[in-house]
Amino acid sequence: MAEAQIYNIQNEKVGDITLNDDLFGVEVKTHILHDIVRMQRANRRSGNACTKTRIEVSGSGAKPWRQKGTGRARAGNRRSPVWRGGGTTFGPKPRDYSYKLPKKVRRQGLKMALSTRLAEERLVVLDNLEMADIKSKEFKNIMTQLDADNCLFIVADHDVILDKSSRNIPNVKVLPVAGLNVYDILLHKKLVLVQSSIAKLEERLLS
């Protein structure tokens, strides 16, 4: 079983915790993490790029000059793609880039991402993380104490105060266990788990 130390928000050690190897000690397969990150990035694409074809641009449909005898190339109308201001040929249209990987693969990927951070000694267990009011400065002070300038905080449930206190601070994110994902774990250099979130993680990924 993997061992980790528990710290408070003053970065003082207050205890030890045994972590489940089925969650924090699995074999890491980088190709699975790669596939999951690709899927998440594809699912976040808006896919709203759009160009107008020759039937959508404004302009007269009349033939600009007669077919023969002018010495110029023949032309059908001013909306032709070869004309300035004409339509676009084979341009992008709104589309959905999203796709899904099997649920078992996504679940295994989360375990691998957690195991990676523990193996790299970039996982910290925090005994508690609570704030009375929405104050970015106070949250920033907590980050400074924990030496977590690029960090993902995982809490058991959605906390409005923590969410609003942290959302204007660059390179930091607070997520509930329900929103935990591979991309955000790998994007941030350090992972901070609030102790109460570990049981929720086991419930989500091992049940």
Protein backbone atom coordinates (compact mmCIF):
# COMPACT_ATOMS: atom_id res chain seq x y z
CA MET A 1 0.00 0.00 0.00
CA ALA A 2 1.25 3.49 -0.87
CA GLU A 3 1.95 5.91 1.94
CA ALA A 4 1.46 9.67 1.91
CA GLN A 5 1.83 12.45 4.43
CA ILE A 6 -1.02 14.71 5.50
CA TYR A 7 -0.42 18.45 5.75
CA ASN A 8 -2.46 21.41 6.96
CA ILE A 9 -2.81 24.72 5.12
CA GLN A 10 0.29 26.02 6.93
CA ASN A 11 2.24 23.20 5.20
CA GLU A 12 2.87 21.44 8.51
CA LYS A 13 2.79 17.66 8.67
CA VAL A 14 -0.12 16.47 10.82
CA GLY A 15 -0.21 12.75 10.04
CA ASP A 16 0.15 9.90 7.58
CA ILE A 17 -2.33 8.10 5.36
CA THR A 18 -2.32 4.79 3.52
CA LEU A 19 -3.53 5.05 -0.06
CA ASN A 20 -5.21 2.24 -1.95
CA ASP A 21 -2.89 0.66 -4.53
CA ASP A 22 -5.89 -0.05 -6.78
CA LEU A 23 -6.26 3.70 -7.10
CA PHE A 24 -2.79 5.18 -6.59
CA GLY A 25 -0.49 2.29 -7.52
CA VAL A 26 -1.63 1.08 -10.94
CA GLU A 27 0.67 0.51 -13.91
CA VAL A 28 0.84 3.64 -16.07
CA LYS A 29 0.33 3.21 -19.81
CA THR A 30 1.07 6.49 -21.55
CA HIS A 31 -0.86 5.62 -24.71
CA ILE A 32 -4.09 5.40 -22.69
CA LEU A 33 -3.45 8.80 -21.10
CA HIS A 34 -2.70 10.18 -24.57
CA ASP A 35 -5.95 8.80 -25.99
CA ILE A 36 -8.00 10.25 -23.13
CA VAL A 37 -6.41 13.71 -23.38
CA ARG A 38 -7.06 13.70 -27.15
CA MET A 39 -10.69 12.81 -26.52
CA GLN A 40 -11.15 15.54 -23.90
CA ARG A 41 -9.54 18.19 -26.09
CA ALA A 42 -11.67 17.14 -29.06
CA ASN A 43 -14.83 17.27 -26.93
CA ARG A 44 -13.99 20.83 -25.87
CA ARG A 45 -13.65 22.07 -29.45
CA SER A 46 -16.50 24.40 -30.36
CA GLY A 47 -16.47 23.37 -34.03
CA ASN A 48 -18.23 26.60 -35.06
CA ALA A 49 -15.86 27.71 -37.85
CA CYS A 50 -18.03 28.56 -40.85
CA THR A 51 -17.45 29.92 -44.35
CA LYS A 52 -20.00 30.89 -46.98
CA THR A 53 -20.37 28.99 -50.20
CA ARG A 54 -21.23 30.65 -53.51
CA ILE A 55 -24.95 30.29 -52.83
CA GLU A 56 -24.65 32.05 -49.44
CA VAL A 57 -22.61 35.16 -50.28
CA SER A 58 -24.32 38.34 -51.45
CA GLY A 59 -24.04 39.34 -55.06
CA SER A 60 -25.94 39.30 -58.31
CA GLY A 61 -26.66 36.04 -60.04
CA ALA A 62 -26.60 37.76 -63.41
CA LYS A 63 -23.91 36.95 -65.94
CA PRO A 64 -21.42 39.88 -65.74
CA TRP A 65 -20.73 39.92 -69.53
CA ARG A 66 -21.59 37.90 -72.56
CA GLN A 67 -19.98 34.54 -73.05
CA LYS A 68 -17.95 35.29 -76.16
CA GLY A 69 -16.36 38.19 -77.98
CA THR A 70 -15.08 40.31 -75.07
CA GLY A 71 -11.58 38.88 -74.87
CA ARG A 72 -12.05 38.09 -71.19
CA ALA A 73 -12.50 34.74 -69.50
CA ARG A 74 -16.05 33.49 -69.39
CA ALA A 75 -17.87 34.12 -66.10
CA GLY A 76 -21.20 32.96 -64.76
CA ASN A 77 -21.81 35.34 -61.83
CA ARG A 78 -20.01 37.50 -59.28
CA ARG A 79 -20.37 34.93 -56.48
CA SER A 80 -17.91 32.54 -58.11
CA PRO A 81 -15.08 31.32 -55.81
CA VAL A 82 -12.48 32.70 -58.24
CA TRP A 83 -13.79 36.24 -57.74
CA ARG A 84 -12.90 38.54 -54.87
CA GLY A 85 -15.88 38.52 -52.49
CA GLY A 86 -17.09 35.24 -53.93
CA GLY A 87 -17.92 32.06 -52.08
CA THR A 88 -15.41 29.66 -50.51
CA THR A 89 -14.78 26.26 -52.02
CA PHE A 90 -14.69 23.34 -49.55
CA GLY A 91 -14.42 25.70 -46.56
CA PRO A 92 -15.17 24.63 -42.97
CA LYS A 93 -18.72 24.29 -41.71
CA PRO A 94 -19.95 23.85 -38.11
CA ARG A 95 -19.29 20.31 -36.95
CA ASP A 96 -19.09 18.19 -33.83
CA TYR A 97 -15.59 16.89 -33.04
CA SER A 98 -16.58 14.97 -29.92
CA TYR A 99 -16.30 11.23 -29.46
CA LYS A 100 -16.24 8.81 -26.55
CA LEU A 101 -13.83 6.20 -25.26
CA PRO A 102 -15.16 3.20 -23.29
CA LYS A 103 -16.05 3.97 -19.69
CA LYS A 104 -13.55 1.38 -18.38
CA VAL A 105 -10.73 3.06 -20.31
CA ARG A 106 -11.64 6.50 -18.95
CA ARG A 107 -11.80 5.14 -15.40
CA GLN A 108 -8.47 3.37 -15.75
CA GLY A 109 -6.94 6.55 -17.16
CA LEU A 110 -7.94 8.48 -14.03
CA LYS A 111 -6.25 5.88 -11.85
CA MET A 112 -3.11 6.12 -13.99
CA ALA A 113 -3.05 9.91 -13.75
CA LEU A 114 -3.37 9.77 -9.95
CA SER A 115 -0.66 7.09 -9.77
CA THR A 116 1.61 9.23 -11.94
CA ARG A 117 1.37 12.23 -9.64
CA LEU A 118 2.03 10.06 -6.56
CA ALA A 119 5.05 8.37 -8.18
CA GLU A 120 6.45 11.78 -9.13
CA GLU A 121 5.97 12.98 -5.53
CA ARG A 122 3.73 15.75 -6.77
CA LEU A 123 0.65 14.67 -4.83
CA VAL A 124 -0.19 16.33 -1.51
CA VAL A 125 -2.91 15.29 0.94
CA LEU A 126 -4.46 18.22 2.81
CA ASP A 127 -6.32 17.65 6.06
CA ASN A 128 -8.87 20.39 5.40
CA LEU A 129 -9.55 23.25 3.03
CA GLU A 130 -12.27 25.62 4.15
CA MET A 131 -12.81 29.36 3.78
CA ALA A 132 -15.41 31.51 5.51
CA ASP A 133 -15.67 34.13 2.77
CA ILE A 134 -14.89 34.55 -0.91
CA LYS A 135 -11.36 36.04 -0.86
CA SER A 136 -8.85 35.47 -3.64
CA LYS A 137 -6.07 36.95 -1.52
CA GLU A 138 -6.65 34.43 1.25
CA PHE A 139 -6.66 31.55 -1.25
CA LYS A 140 -3.46 32.90 -2.78
CA ASN A 141 -1.85 32.87 0.66
CA ILE A 142 -2.81 29.20 1.07
CA MET A 143 -1.17 28.45 -2.29
CA THR A 144 1.99 30.25 -1.19
CA GLN A 145 2.13 28.26 2.06
CA LEU A 146 1.76 24.99 0.13
CA ASP A 147 4.22 26.06 -2.58
CA ALA A 148 1.48 25.36 -5.12
CA ASP A 149 1.77 27.99 -7.83
CA ASN A 150 0.52 25.57 -10.51
CA CYS A 151 -1.93 23.28 -8.81
CA LEU A 152 -5.17 21.33 -9.03
CA PHE A 153 -7.17 21.12 -5.79
CA ILE A 154 -9.62 18.23 -5.41
CA VAL A 155 -12.43 18.60 -2.89
CA ALA A 156 -15.18 16.13 -1.98
CA ASP A 157 -18.08 18.25 -3.21
CA HIS A 158 -18.59 21.48 -5.10
CA ASP A 159 -17.70 24.46 -2.89
CA VAL A 160 -18.90 27.83 -4.18
CA ILE A 161 -16.59 29.81 -1.88
CA LEU A 162 -13.46 27.94 -2.95
CA ASP A 163 -14.51 28.01 -6.59
CA LYS A 164 -15.05 31.78 -6.66
CA SER A 165 -11.97 32.51 -4.56
CA SER A 166 -9.69 30.62 -6.96
CA ARG A 167 -11.14 31.21 -10.41
CA ASN A 168 -9.28 34.51 -11.02
CA ILE A 169 -5.91 33.07 -10.00
CA PRO A 170 -3.88 31.78 -12.97
CA ASN A 171 -2.65 28.18 -13.11
CA VAL A 172 -4.91 26.96 -10.32
CA LYS A 173 -8.21 25.10 -10.36
CA VAL A 174 -10.56 23.65 -7.75
CA LEU A 175 -12.60 20.62 -8.81
CA PRO A 176 -15.01 18.34 -6.96
CA VAL A 177 -14.43 14.59 -7.22
CA ALA A 178 -17.33 14.35 -9.68
CA GLY A 179 -15.51 16.69 -12.09
CA LEU A 180 -12.05 15.14 -11.81
CA ASN A 181 -10.51 14.32 -15.19
CA VAL A 182 -7.22 13.19 -16.70
CA TYR A 183 -6.54 16.37 -18.68
CA ASP A 184 -6.68 18.70 -15.66
CA ILE A 185 -4.54 16.35 -13.55
CA LEU A 186 -1.79 16.26 -16.17
CA LEU A 187 -2.13 19.95 -17.01
CA HIS A 188 -1.20 21.09 -13.49
CA LYS A 189 2.21 20.40 -11.95
CA LYS A 190 0.89 19.55 -8.49
CA LEU A 191 -2.20 17.72 -7.27
CA VAL A 192 -3.64 18.54 -3.83
CA LEU A 193 -6.24 16.12 -2.45
CA VAL A 194 -8.35 17.24 0.48
CA GLN A 195 -8.49 14.21 2.78
CA SER A 196 -12.29 13.98 2.64
CA SER A 197 -12.13 13.59 -1.15
CA ILE A 198 -10.18 10.31 -1.04
CA ALA A 199 -13.18 8.27 0.12
CA LYS A 200 -15.24 9.86 -2.66
CA LEU A 201 -12.53 8.94 -5.18
CA GLU A 202 -12.59 5.32 -4.04
CA GLU A 203 -16.37 5.31 -4.26
CA ARG A 204 -16.28 6.71 -7.81
CA LEU A 205 -13.43 4.66 -9.25
CA LEU A 206 -13.44 1.40 -7.30
CA SER A 207 -17.11 0.65 -6.83
